[in-house]
Amino acid sequence: MSNKLPKGVTADDVKAWKKEHGKIRQFTVKKDDGTEVSCILKTPDRKVMGAALQAQKSDPIKSKEIVLVNCWLAGDEEIKTNDALFLSVASQLDDLIEIKETEVKEL
């Protein structure tokens, strides 16, 4: 797949988002006709994760939608509306959450 940014997104946009949000990620999906769509998402904060985890109890797909919508910085809107594209991106959303190595010890 290409490394092309979504339509209307510049390298300056990416630099500004990185400065404001830290890590950002681009998700690219190849459509059946061979074209690609992509979106850029920021890492979810506690509020977004809390809402997503709450929704996950009753509707796992809704929880993914919460993350996608609230972390969306730019991209092809078709990802939000086309079920196949949405599900492709949704299956990779766990990559937004960076888990650091943690040591736990009894004192």
PDB file of N, CA and C in Angstrom:
ATOM      1  N   MET A   1       0.838  -1.182   0.000  1.00  0.00           N
ATOM      2  CA  MET A   1       0.000   0.000   0.000  1.00  0.00           C
ATOM      3  C   MET A   1       0.883   1.244   0.000  1.00  0.00           C
ATOM      4  N   SER A   2       0.328   2.310  -0.470  1.00  0.00           N
ATOM      5  CA  SER A   2       1.106   3.540  -0.602  1.00  0.00           C
ATOM      6  C   SER A   2       1.250   4.254   0.736  1.00  0.00           C
ATOM      7  N   ASN A   3       2.199   5.153   0.790  1.00  0.00           N
ATOM      8  CA  ASN A   3       2.406   5.984   1.966  1.00  0.00           C
ATOM      9  C   ASN A   3       1.801   7.366   1.772  1.00  0.00           C
ATOM     10  N   LYS A   4       0.911   7.475   0.813  1.00  0.00           N
ATOM     11  CA  LYS A   4       0.297   8.750   0.472  1.00  0.00           C
ATOM     12  C   LYS A   4      -0.629   9.217   1.594  1.00  0.00           C
ATOM     13  N   LEU A   5      -0.536  10.487   1.949  1.00  0.00           N
ATOM     14  CA  LEU A   5      -1.412  11.065   2.965  1.00  0.00           C
ATOM     15  C   LEU A   5      -2.828  11.222   2.406  1.00  0.00           C
ATOM     16  N   PRO A   6      -3.833  11.237   3.290  1.00  0.00           N
ATOM     17  CA  PRO A   6      -5.200  11.482   2.820  1.00  0.00           C
ATOM     18  C   PRO A   6      -5.304  12.833   2.108  1.00  0.00           C
ATOM     19  N   LYS A   7      -6.264  12.933   1.211  1.00  0.00           N
ATOM     20  CA  LYS A   7      -6.480  14.146   0.437  1.00  0.00           C
ATOM     21  C   LYS A   7      -6.625  15.356   1.373  1.00  0.00           C
ATOM     22  N   GLY A   8      -5.889  16.412   1.047  1.00  0.00           N
ATOM     23  CA  GLY A   8      -5.974  17.648   1.813  1.00  0.00           C
ATOM     24  C   GLY A   8      -5.041  17.720   3.010  1.00  0.00           C
ATOM     25  N   VAL A   9      -4.350  16.635   3.337  1.00  0.00           N
ATOM     26  CA  VAL A   9      -3.440  16.612   4.484  1.00  0.00           C
ATOM     27  C   VAL A   9      -2.022  16.893   3.990  1.00  0.00           C
ATOM     28  N   THR A  10      -1.350  17.808   4.667  1.00  0.00           N
ATOM     29  CA  THR A  10       0.020  18.164   4.301  1.00  0.00           C
ATOM     30  C   THR A  10       1.008  17.656   5.349  1.00  0.00           C
ATOM     31  N   ALA A  11       2.266  17.677   4.992  1.00  0.00           N
ATOM     32  CA  ALA A  11       3.321  17.302   5.944  1.00  0.00           C
ATOM     33  C   ALA A  11       3.306  18.247   7.148  1.00  0.00           C
ATOM     34  N   ASP A  12       2.962  19.502   6.921  1.00  0.00           N
ATOM     35  CA  ASP A  12       2.865  20.465   8.029  1.00  0.00           C
ATOM     36  C   ASP A  12       1.730  20.092   8.988  1.00  0.00           C
ATOM     37  N   ASP A  13       0.612  19.598   8.434  1.00  0.00           N
ATOM     38  CA  ASP A  13      -0.492  19.131   9.279  1.00  0.00           C
ATOM     39  C   ASP A  13      -0.012  18.001  10.188  1.00  0.00           C
ATOM     40  N   VAL A  14       0.699  17.058   9.590  1.00  0.00           N
ATOM     41  CA  VAL A  14       1.197  15.905  10.340  1.00  0.00           C
ATOM     42  C   VAL A  14       2.131  16.368  11.457  1.00  0.00           C
ATOM     43  N   LYS A  15       3.014  17.286  11.130  1.00  0.00           N
ATOM     44  CA  LYS A  15       3.964  17.806  12.128  1.00  0.00           C
ATOM     45  C   LYS A  15       3.213  18.483  13.279  1.00  0.00           C
ATOM     46  N   ALA A  16       2.201  19.275  12.963  1.00  0.00           N
ATOM     47  CA  ALA A  16       1.417  19.973  13.988  1.00  0.00           C
ATOM     48  C   ALA A  16       0.649  18.982  14.860  1.00  0.00           C
ATOM     49  N   TRP A  17       0.059  17.961  14.242  1.00  0.00           N
ATOM     50  CA  TRP A  17      -0.681  16.961  15.016  1.00  0.00           C
ATOM     51  C   TRP A  17       0.235  16.181  15.939  1.00  0.00           C
ATOM     52  N   LYS A  18       1.435  15.852  15.464  1.00  0.00           N
ATOM     53  CA  LYS A  18       2.396  15.137  16.306  1.00  0.00           C
ATOM     54  C   LYS A  18       2.784  15.985  17.509  1.00  0.00           C
ATOM     55  N   LYS A  19       2.970  17.285  17.273  1.00  0.00           N
ATOM     56  CA  LYS A  19       3.327  18.178  18.368  1.00  0.00           C
ATOM     57  C   LYS A  19       2.190  18.271  19.389  1.00  0.00           C
ATOM     58  N   GLU A  20       0.951  18.332  18.896  1.00  0.00           N
ATOM     59  CA  GLU A  20      -0.201  18.485  19.783  1.00  0.00           C
ATOM     60  C   GLU A  20      -0.611  17.179  20.457  1.00  0.00           C
ATOM     61  N   HIS A  21      -0.569  16.060  19.723  1.00  0.00           N
ATOM     62  CA  HIS A  21      -1.141  14.806  20.215  1.00  0.00           C
ATOM     63  C   HIS A  21      -0.117  13.709  20.505  1.00  0.00           C
ATOM     64  N   GLY A  22       1.136  13.932  20.198  1.00  0.00           N
ATOM     65  CA  GLY A  22       2.127  12.857  20.341  1.00  0.00           C
ATOM     66  C   GLY A  22       2.019  11.933  19.137  1.00  0.00           C
ATOM     67  N   LYS A  23       2.011  10.637  19.398  1.00  0.00           N
ATOM     68  CA  LYS A  23       1.940   9.685  18.289  1.00  0.00           C
ATOM     69  C   LYS A  23       0.598   9.765  17.581  1.00  0.00           C
ATOM     70  N   ILE A  24       0.680   9.743  16.271  1.00  0.00           N
ATOM     71  CA  ILE A  24      -0.522   9.612  15.448  1.00  0.00           C
ATOM     72  C   ILE A  24      -0.259   8.463  14.486  1.00  0.00           C
ATOM     73  N   ARG A  25      -1.332   7.895  13.972  1.00  0.00           N
ATOM     74  CA  ARG A  25      -1.182   6.761  13.061  1.00  0.00           C
ATOM     75  C   ARG A  25      -2.105   6.926  11.864  1.00  0.00           C
ATOM     76  N   GLN A  26      -1.608   6.413  10.733  1.00  0.00           N
ATOM     77  CA  GLN A  26      -2.405   6.417   9.509  1.00  0.00           C
ATOM     78  C   GLN A  26      -2.848   4.986   9.228  1.00  0.00           C
ATOM     79  N   PHE A  27      -4.125   4.825   8.967  1.00  0.00           N
ATOM     80  CA  PHE A  27      -4.714   3.537   8.612  1.00  0.00           C
ATOM     81  C   PHE A  27      -5.131   3.613   7.144  1.00  0.00           C
ATOM     82  N   THR A  28      -4.676   2.675   6.339  1.00  0.00           N
ATOM     83  CA  THR A  28      -4.984   2.658   4.918  1.00  0.00           C
ATOM     84  C   THR A  28      -5.658   1.342   4.569  1.00  0.00           C
ATOM     85  N   VAL A  29      -6.743   1.426   3.805  1.00  0.00           N
ATOM     86  CA  VAL A  29      -7.503   0.250   3.389  1.00  0.00           C
ATOM     87  C   VAL A  29      -7.572   0.232   1.873  1.00  0.00           C
ATOM     88  N   LYS A  30      -7.291  -0.911   1.282  1.00  0.00           N
ATOM     89  CA  LYS A  30      -7.432  -1.075  -0.163  1.00  0.00           C
ATOM     90  C   LYS A  30      -8.861  -1.528  -0.448  1.00  0.00           C
ATOM     91  N   LYS A  31      -9.542  -0.775  -1.299  1.00  0.00           N
ATOM     92  CA  LYS A  31     -10.919  -1.099  -1.665  1.00  0.00           C
ATOM     93  C   LYS A  31     -10.933  -2.177  -2.753  1.00  0.00           C
ATOM     94  N   ASP A  32     -12.101  -2.749  -2.989  1.00  0.00           N
ATOM     95  CA  ASP A  32     -12.252  -3.806  -3.989  1.00  0.00           C
ATOM     96  C   ASP A  32     -11.825  -3.372  -5.386  1.00  0.00           C
ATOM     97  N   ASP A  33     -11.976  -2.089  -5.684  1.00  0.00           N
ATOM     98  CA  ASP A  33     -11.605  -1.603  -7.021  1.00  0.00           C
ATOM     99  C   ASP A  33     -10.112  -1.261  -7.133  1.00  0.00           C
ATOM    100  N   GLY A  34      -9.339  -1.528  -6.068  1.00  0.00           N
ATOM    101  CA  GLY A  34      -7.903  -1.290  -6.093  1.00  0.00           C
ATOM    102  C   GLY A  34      -7.471   0.073  -5.583  1.00  0.00           C
ATOM    103  N   THR A  35      -8.421   0.995  -5.420  1.00  0.00           N
ATOM    104  CA  THR A  35      -8.074   2.302  -4.865  1.00  0.00           C
ATOM    105  C   THR A  35      -7.912   2.178  -3.351  1.00  0.00           C
ATOM    106  N   GLU A  36      -7.305   3.182  -2.775  1.00  0.00           N
ATOM    107  CA  GLU A  36      -7.071   3.173  -1.334  1.00  0.00           C
ATOM    108  C   GLU A  36      -7.742   4.360  -0.667  1.00  0.00           C
ATOM    109  N   VAL A  37      -8.173   4.142   0.566  1.00  0.00           N
ATOM    110  CA  VAL A  37      -8.675   5.209   1.422  1.00  0.00           C
ATOM    111  C   VAL A  37      -7.884   5.135   2.723  1.00  0.00           C
ATOM    112  N   SER A  38      -7.730   6.281   3.375  1.00  0.00           N
ATOM    113  CA  SER A  38      -6.981   6.264   4.623  1.00  0.00           C
ATOM    114  C   SER A  38      -7.491   7.329   5.573  1.00  0.00           C
ATOM    115  N   CYS A  39      -7.092   7.169   6.816  1.00  0.00           N
ATOM    116  CA  CYS A  39      -7.425   8.157   7.833  1.00  0.00           C
ATOM    117  C   CYS A  39      -6.255   8.259   8.801  1.00  0.00           C
ATOM    118  N   ILE A  40      -6.202   9.385   9.491  1.00  0.00           N
ATOM    119  CA  ILE A  40      -5.177   9.622  10.493  1.00  0.00           C
ATOM    120  C   ILE A  40      -5.884   9.794  11.828  1.00  0.00           C
ATOM    121  N   LEU A  41      -5.402   9.025  12.811  1.00  0.00           N
ATOM    122  CA  LEU A  41      -6.014   9.029  14.136  1.00  0.00           C
ATOM    123  C   LEU A  41      -4.973   9.324  15.206  1.00  0.00           C
ATOM    124  N   LYS A  42      -5.412  10.011  16.251  1.00  0.00           N
ATOM    125  CA  LYS A  42      -4.571  10.244  17.420  1.00  0.00           C
ATOM    126  C   LYS A  42      -4.825   9.143  18.445  1.00  0.00           C
ATOM    127  N   THR A  43      -3.989   9.062  19.439  1.00  0.00           N
ATOM    128  CA  THR A  43      -4.151   8.092  20.511  1.00  0.00           C
ATOM    129  C   THR A  43      -5.336   8.500  21.385  1.00  0.00           C
ATOM    130  N   PRO A  44      -6.191   7.564  21.752  1.00  0.00           N
ATOM    131  CA  PRO A  44      -7.336   7.920  22.598  1.00  0.00           C
ATOM    132  C   PRO A  44      -6.884   8.285  24.011  1.00  0.00           C
ATOM    133  N   ASP A  45      -7.598   9.230  24.617  1.00  0.00           N
ATOM    134  CA  ASP A  45      -7.308   9.583  26.004  1.00  0.00           C
ATOM    135  C   ASP A  45      -8.190   8.743  26.941  1.00  0.00           C
ATOM    136  N   ARG A  46      -8.080   8.961  28.223  1.00  0.00           N
ATOM    137  CA  ARG A  46      -8.847   8.173  29.208  1.00  0.00           C
ATOM    138  C   ARG A  46     -10.352   8.306  29.011  1.00  0.00           C
ATOM    139  N   LYS A  47     -10.791   9.515  28.708  1.00  0.00           N
ATOM    140  CA  LYS A  47     -12.230   9.746  28.531  1.00  0.00           C
ATOM    141  C   LYS A  47     -12.768   8.908  27.367  1.00  0.00           C
ATOM    142  N   VAL A  48     -12.060   8.913  26.255  1.00  0.00           N
ATOM    143  CA  VAL A  48     -12.479   8.140  25.085  1.00  0.00           C
ATOM    144  C   VAL A  48     -12.417   6.643  25.404  1.00  0.00           C
ATOM    145  N   MET A  49     -11.333   6.222  26.039  1.00  0.00           N
ATOM    146  CA  MET A  49     -11.203   4.800  26.379  1.00  0.00           C
ATOM    147  C   MET A  49     -12.294   4.364  27.354  1.00  0.00           C
ATOM    148  N   GLY A  50     -12.628   5.213  28.317  1.00  0.00           N
ATOM    149  CA  GLY A  50     -13.695   4.883  29.256  1.00  0.00           C
ATOM    150  C   GLY A  50     -15.029   4.699  28.547  1.00  0.00           C
ATOM    151  N   ALA A  51     -15.344   5.608  27.642  1.00  0.00           N
ATOM    152  CA  ALA A  51     -16.599   5.505  26.891  1.00  0.00           C
ATOM    153  C   ALA A  51     -16.600   4.260  26.010  1.00  0.00           C
ATOM    154  N   ALA A  52     -15.461   3.985  25.385  1.00  0.00           N
ATOM    155  CA  ALA A  52     -15.370   2.808  24.516  1.00  0.00           C
ATOM    156  C   ALA A  52     -15.499   1.514  25.317  1.00  0.00           C
ATOM    157  N   LEU A  53     -14.841   1.440  26.452  1.00  0.00           N
ATOM    158  CA  LEU A  53     -14.916   0.233  27.275  1.00  0.00           C
ATOM    159  C   LEU A  53     -16.322   0.023  27.829  1.00  0.00           C
ATOM    160  N   GLN A  54     -16.989   1.110  28.174  1.00  0.00           N
ATOM    161  CA  GLN A  54     -18.373   1.009  28.656  1.00  0.00           C
ATOM    162  C   GLN A  54     -19.283   0.480  27.545  1.00  0.00           C
ATOM    163  N   ALA A  55     -19.130   0.992  26.352  1.00  0.00           N
ATOM    164  CA  ALA A  55     -19.947   0.559  25.221  1.00  0.00           C
ATOM    165  C   ALA A  55     -19.637  -0.878  24.818  1.00  0.00           C
ATOM    166  N   GLN A  56     -18.404  -1.297  25.015  1.00  0.00           N
ATOM    167  CA  GLN A  56     -17.980  -2.632  24.601  1.00  0.00           C
ATOM    168  C   GLN A  56     -18.785  -3.729  25.303  1.00  0.00           C
ATOM    169  N   LYS A  57     -19.260  -3.448  26.498  1.00  0.00           N
ATOM    170  CA  LYS A  57     -20.032  -4.438  27.254  1.00  0.00           C
ATOM    171  C   LYS A  57     -21.289  -4.867  26.509  1.00  0.00           C
ATOM    172  N   SER A  58     -21.929  -3.924  25.845  1.00  0.00           N
ATOM    173  CA  SER A  58     -23.181  -4.251  25.158  1.00  0.00           C
ATOM    174  C   SER A  58     -23.079  -4.224  23.636  1.00  0.00           C
ATOM    175  N   ASP A  59     -22.111  -3.480  23.098  1.00  0.00           N
ATOM    176  CA  ASP A  59     -22.013  -3.326  21.647  1.00  0.00           C
ATOM    177  C   ASP A  59     -20.555  -3.097  21.237  1.00  0.00           C
ATOM    178  N   PRO A  60     -19.803  -4.180  21.002  1.00  0.00           N
ATOM    179  CA  PRO A  60     -18.380  -4.049  20.662  1.00  0.00           C
ATOM    180  C   PRO A  60     -18.109  -3.178  19.430  1.00  0.00           C
ATOM    181  N   ILE A  61     -18.996  -3.211  18.459  1.00  0.00           N
ATOM    182  CA  ILE A  61     -18.805  -2.388  17.259  1.00  0.00           C
ATOM    183  C   ILE A  61     -18.947  -0.906  17.613  1.00  0.00           C
ATOM    184  N   LYS A  62     -19.906  -0.581  18.462  1.00  0.00           N
ATOM    185  CA  LYS A  62     -20.096   0.806  18.901  1.00  0.00           C
ATOM    186  C   LYS A  62     -18.856   1.313  19.618  1.00  0.00           C
ATOM    187  N   SER A  63     -18.198   0.451  20.384  1.00  0.00           N
ATOM    188  CA  SER A  63     -16.993   0.872  21.092  1.00  0.00           C
ATOM    189  C   SER A  63     -15.894   1.267  20.106  1.00  0.00           C
ATOM    190  N   LYS A  64     -15.777   0.529  19.012  1.00  0.00           N
ATOM    191  CA  LYS A  64     -14.787   0.862  17.987  1.00  0.00           C
ATOM    192  C   LYS A  64     -15.144   2.178  17.300  1.00  0.00           C
ATOM    193  N   GLU A  65     -16.435   2.380  17.080  1.00  0.00           N
ATOM    194  CA  GLU A  65     -16.893   3.620  16.455  1.00  0.00           C
ATOM    195  C   GLU A  65     -16.581   4.828  17.347  1.00  0.00           C
ATOM    196  N   ILE A  66     -16.731   4.663  18.648  1.00  0.00           N
ATOM    197  CA  ILE A  66     -16.407   5.741  19.588  1.00  0.00           C
ATOM    198  C   ILE A  66     -14.945   6.135  19.457  1.00  0.00           C
ATOM    199  N   VAL A  67     -14.066   5.143  19.406  1.00  0.00           N
ATOM    200  CA  VAL A  67     -12.640   5.425  19.269  1.00  0.00           C
ATOM    201  C   VAL A  67     -12.362   6.102  17.925  1.00  0.00           C
ATOM    202  N   LEU A  68     -12.901   5.555  16.855  1.00  0.00           N
ATOM    203  CA  LEU A  68     -12.654   6.110  15.526  1.00  0.00           C
ATOM    204  C   LEU A  68     -13.094   7.568  15.443  1.00  0.00           C
ATOM    205  N   VAL A  69     -14.308   7.850  15.846  1.00  0.00           N
ATOM    206  CA  VAL A  69     -14.858   9.201  15.721  1.00  0.00           C
ATOM    207  C   VAL A  69     -14.106  10.196  16.606  1.00  0.00           C
ATOM    208  N   ASN A  70     -13.776   9.798  17.834  1.00  0.00           N
ATOM    209  CA  ASN A  70     -13.143  10.717  18.777  1.00  0.00           C
ATOM    210  C   ASN A  70     -11.642  10.891  18.570  1.00  0.00           C
ATOM    211  N   CYS A  71     -11.040  10.001  17.822  1.00  0.00           N
ATOM    212  CA  CYS A  71      -9.597  10.095  17.565  1.00  0.00           C
ATOM    213  C   CYS A  71      -9.294  10.564  16.142  1.00  0.00           C
ATOM    214  N   TRP A  72     -10.311  10.759  15.344  1.00  0.00           N
ATOM    215  CA  TRP A  72     -10.187  11.144  13.938  1.00  0.00           C
ATOM    216  C   TRP A  72      -9.561  12.527  13.811  1.00  0.00           C
ATOM    217  N   LEU A  73      -8.493  12.609  13.045  1.00  0.00           N
ATOM    218  CA  LEU A  73      -7.887  13.904  12.721  1.00  0.00           C
ATOM    219  C   LEU A  73      -8.170  14.297  11.280  1.00  0.00           C
ATOM    220  N   ALA A  74      -8.114  13.336  10.374  1.00  0.00           N
ATOM    221  CA  ALA A  74      -8.371  13.611   8.954  1.00  0.00           C
ATOM    222  C   ALA A  74      -8.497  12.288   8.224  1.00  0.00           C
ATOM    223  N   GLY A  75      -9.074  12.365   7.034  1.00  0.00           N
ATOM    224  CA  GLY A  75      -9.132  11.171   6.214  1.00  0.00           C
ATOM    225  C   GLY A  75     -10.350  11.114   5.323  1.00  0.00           C
ATOM    226  N   ASP A  76     -10.471   9.984   4.658  1.00  0.00           N
ATOM    227  CA  ASP A  76     -11.583   9.749   3.746  1.00  0.00           C
ATOM    228  C   ASP A  76     -12.824   9.385   4.553  1.00  0.00           C
ATOM    229  N   GLU A  77     -13.828  10.235   4.498  1.00  0.00           N
ATOM    230  CA  GLU A  77     -15.055  10.050   5.277  1.00  0.00           C
ATOM    231  C   GLU A  77     -15.735   8.714   4.983  1.00  0.00           C
ATOM    232  N   GLU A  78     -15.454   8.149   3.820  1.00  0.00           N
ATOM    233  CA  GLU A  78     -16.052   6.876   3.438  1.00  0.00           C
ATOM    234  C   GLU A  78     -15.728   5.783   4.463  1.00  0.00           C
ATOM    235  N   ILE A  79     -14.620   5.915   5.166  1.00  0.00           N
ATOM    236  CA  ILE A  79     -14.254   4.932   6.196  1.00  0.00           C
ATOM    237  C   ILE A  79     -15.299   4.910   7.304  1.00  0.00           C
ATOM    238  N   LYS A  80     -15.880   6.055   7.595  1.00  0.00           N
ATOM    239  CA  LYS A  80     -16.891   6.142   8.650  1.00  0.00           C
ATOM    240  C   LYS A  80     -18.243   5.578   8.207  1.00  0.00           C
ATOM    241  N   THR A  81     -18.519   5.599   6.907  1.00  0.00           N
ATOM    242  CA  THR A  81     -19.857   5.243   6.436  1.00  0.00           C
ATOM    243  C   THR A  81     -19.952   3.892   5.740  1.00  0.00           C
ATOM    244  N   ASN A  82     -18.860   3.404   5.197  1.00  0.00           N
ATOM    245  CA  ASN A  82     -18.858   2.122   4.497  1.00  0.00           C
ATOM    246  C   ASN A  82     -18.496   1.030   5.500  1.00  0.00           C
ATOM    247  N   ASP A  83     -19.408   0.088   5.722  1.00  0.00           N
ATOM    248  CA  ASP A  83     -19.202  -0.936   6.754  1.00  0.00           C
ATOM    249  C   ASP A  83     -17.930  -1.744   6.553  1.00  0.00           C
ATOM    250  N   ALA A  84     -17.632  -2.134   5.333  1.00  0.00           N
ATOM    251  CA  ALA A  84     -16.441  -2.944   5.076  1.00  0.00           C
ATOM    252  C   ALA A  84     -15.170  -2.169   5.403  1.00  0.00           C
ATOM    253  N   LEU A  85     -15.133  -0.915   5.025  1.00  0.00           N
ATOM    254  CA  LEU A  85     -13.957  -0.085   5.310  1.00  0.00           C
ATOM    255  C   LEU A  85     -13.840   0.188   6.802  1.00  0.00           C
ATOM    256  N   PHE A  86     -14.970   0.506   7.423  1.00  0.00           N
ATOM    257  CA  PHE A  86     -14.986   0.752   8.866  1.00  0.00           C
ATOM    258  C   PHE A  86     -14.479  -0.471   9.630  1.00  0.00           C
ATOM    259  N   LEU A  87     -14.990  -1.636   9.287  1.00  0.00           N
ATOM    260  CA  LEU A  87     -14.594  -2.858   9.995  1.00  0.00           C
ATOM    261  C   LEU A  87     -13.119  -3.184   9.784  1.00  0.00           C
ATOM    262  N   SER A  88     -12.597  -2.866   8.610  1.00  0.00           N
ATOM    263  CA  SER A  88     -11.170  -3.072   8.358  1.00  0.00           C
ATOM    264  C   SER A  88     -10.324  -2.213   9.287  1.00  0.00           C
ATOM    265  N   VAL A  89     -10.683  -0.944   9.403  1.00  0.00           N
ATOM    266  CA  VAL A  89      -9.945  -0.055  10.296  1.00  0.00           C
ATOM    267  C   VAL A  89     -10.205  -0.439  11.753  1.00  0.00           C
ATOM    268  N   ALA A  90     -11.459  -0.734  12.087  1.00  0.00           N
ATOM    269  CA  ALA A  90     -11.811  -1.086  13.464  1.00  0.00           C
ATOM    270  C   ALA A  90     -11.007  -2.277  13.978  1.00  0.00           C
ATOM    271  N   SER A  91     -10.715  -3.207  13.098  1.00  0.00           N
ATOM    272  CA  SER A  91      -9.971  -4.399  13.513  1.00  0.00           C
ATOM    273  C   SER A  91      -8.528  -4.068  13.905  1.00  0.00           C
ATOM    274  N   GLN A  92      -8.070  -2.880  13.543  1.00  0.00           N
ATOM    275  CA  GLN A  92      -6.687  -2.478  13.833  1.00  0.00           C
ATOM    276  C   GLN A  92      -6.586  -1.374  14.889  1.00  0.00           C
ATOM    277  N   LEU A  93      -7.705  -0.959  15.463  1.00  0.00           N
ATOM    278  CA  LEU A  93      -7.690   0.180  16.379  1.00  0.00           C
ATOM    279  C   LEU A  93      -6.920  -0.075  17.666  1.00  0.00           C
ATOM    280  N   ASP A  94      -6.744  -1.333  18.040  1.00  0.00           N
ATOM    281  CA  ASP A  94      -5.971  -1.616  19.249  1.00  0.00           C
ATOM    282  C   ASP A  94      -4.541  -1.105  19.118  1.00  0.00           C
ATOM    283  N   ASP A  95      -4.066  -0.912  17.883  1.00  0.00           N
ATOM    284  CA  ASP A  95      -2.720  -0.383  17.664  1.00  0.00           C
ATOM    285  C   ASP A  95      -2.578   1.065  18.140  1.00  0.00           C
ATOM    286  N   LEU A  96      -3.698   1.748  18.388  1.00  0.00           N
ATOM    287  CA  LEU A  96      -3.638   3.122  18.876  1.00  0.00           C
ATOM    288  C   LEU A  96      -3.202   3.188  20.341  1.00  0.00           C
ATOM    289  N   ILE A  97      -3.430   2.120  21.067  1.00  0.00           N
ATOM    290  CA  ILE A  97      -3.161   2.120  22.499  1.00  0.00           C
ATOM    291  C   ILE A  97      -1.782   1.525  22.749  1.00  0.00           C
ATOM    292  N   GLU A  98      -0.925   2.351  23.271  1.00  0.00           N
ATOM    293  CA  GLU A  98       0.447   1.905  23.547  1.00  0.00           C
ATOM    294  C   GLU A  98       0.531   1.481  25.007  1.00  0.00           C
ATOM    295  N   ILE A  99       0.831   0.223  25.221  1.00  0.00           N
ATOM    296  CA  ILE A  99       0.973  -0.298  26.575  1.00  0.00           C
ATOM    297  C   ILE A  99       2.461  -0.346  26.911  1.00  0.00           C
ATOM    298  N   LYS A 100       2.836   0.380  27.917  1.00  0.00           N
ATOM    299  CA  LYS A 100       4.230   0.405  28.348  1.00  0.00           C
ATOM    300  C   LYS A 100       4.499  -0.764  29.305  1.00  0.00           C
ATOM    301  N   GLU A 101       5.727  -1.212  29.283  1.00  0.00           N
ATOM    302  CA  GLU A 101       6.115  -2.281  30.193  1.00  0.00           C
ATOM    303  C   GLU A 101       6.065  -1.764  31.628  1.00  0.00           C
ATOM    304  N   THR A 102       5.418  -2.507  32.490  1.00  0.00           N
ATOM    305  CA  THR A 102       5.246  -2.096  33.875  1.00  0.00           C
ATOM    306  C   THR A 102       5.704  -3.204  34.805  1.00  0.00           C
ATOM    307  N   GLU A 103       6.422  -2.827  35.828  1.00  0.00           N
ATOM    308  CA  GLU A 103       6.847  -3.793  36.830  1.00  0.00           C
ATOM    309  C   GLU A 103       5.990  -3.618  38.076  1.00  0.00           C
ATOM    310  N   VAL A 104       5.480  -4.720  38.582  1.00  0.00           N
ATOM    311  CA  VAL A 104       4.686  -4.695  39.801  1.00  0.00           C
ATOM    312  C   VAL A 104       5.383  -5.592  40.815  1.00  0.00           C
ATOM    313  N   LYS A 105       5.586  -5.071  42.026  1.00  0.00           N
ATOM    314  CA  LYS A 105       6.199  -5.907  43.049  1.00  0.00           C
ATOM    315  C   LYS A 105       5.537  -5.652  44.395  1.00  0.00           C
ATOM    316  N   GLU A 106       5.495  -6.658  45.168  1.00  0.00           N
ATOM    317  CA  GLU A 106       4.922  -6.557  46.505  1.00  0.00           C
ATOM    318  C   GLU A 106       5.942  -5.917  47.431  1.00  0.00           C
ATOM    319  N   LEU A 107       5.492  -5.026  48.271  1.00  0.00           N
ATOM    320  CA  LEU A 107       6.385  -4.356  49.214  1.00  0.00           C
ATOM    321  C   LEU A 107       6.168  -4.852  50.625  1.00  0.00           C
TER     322      LEU A 107
END
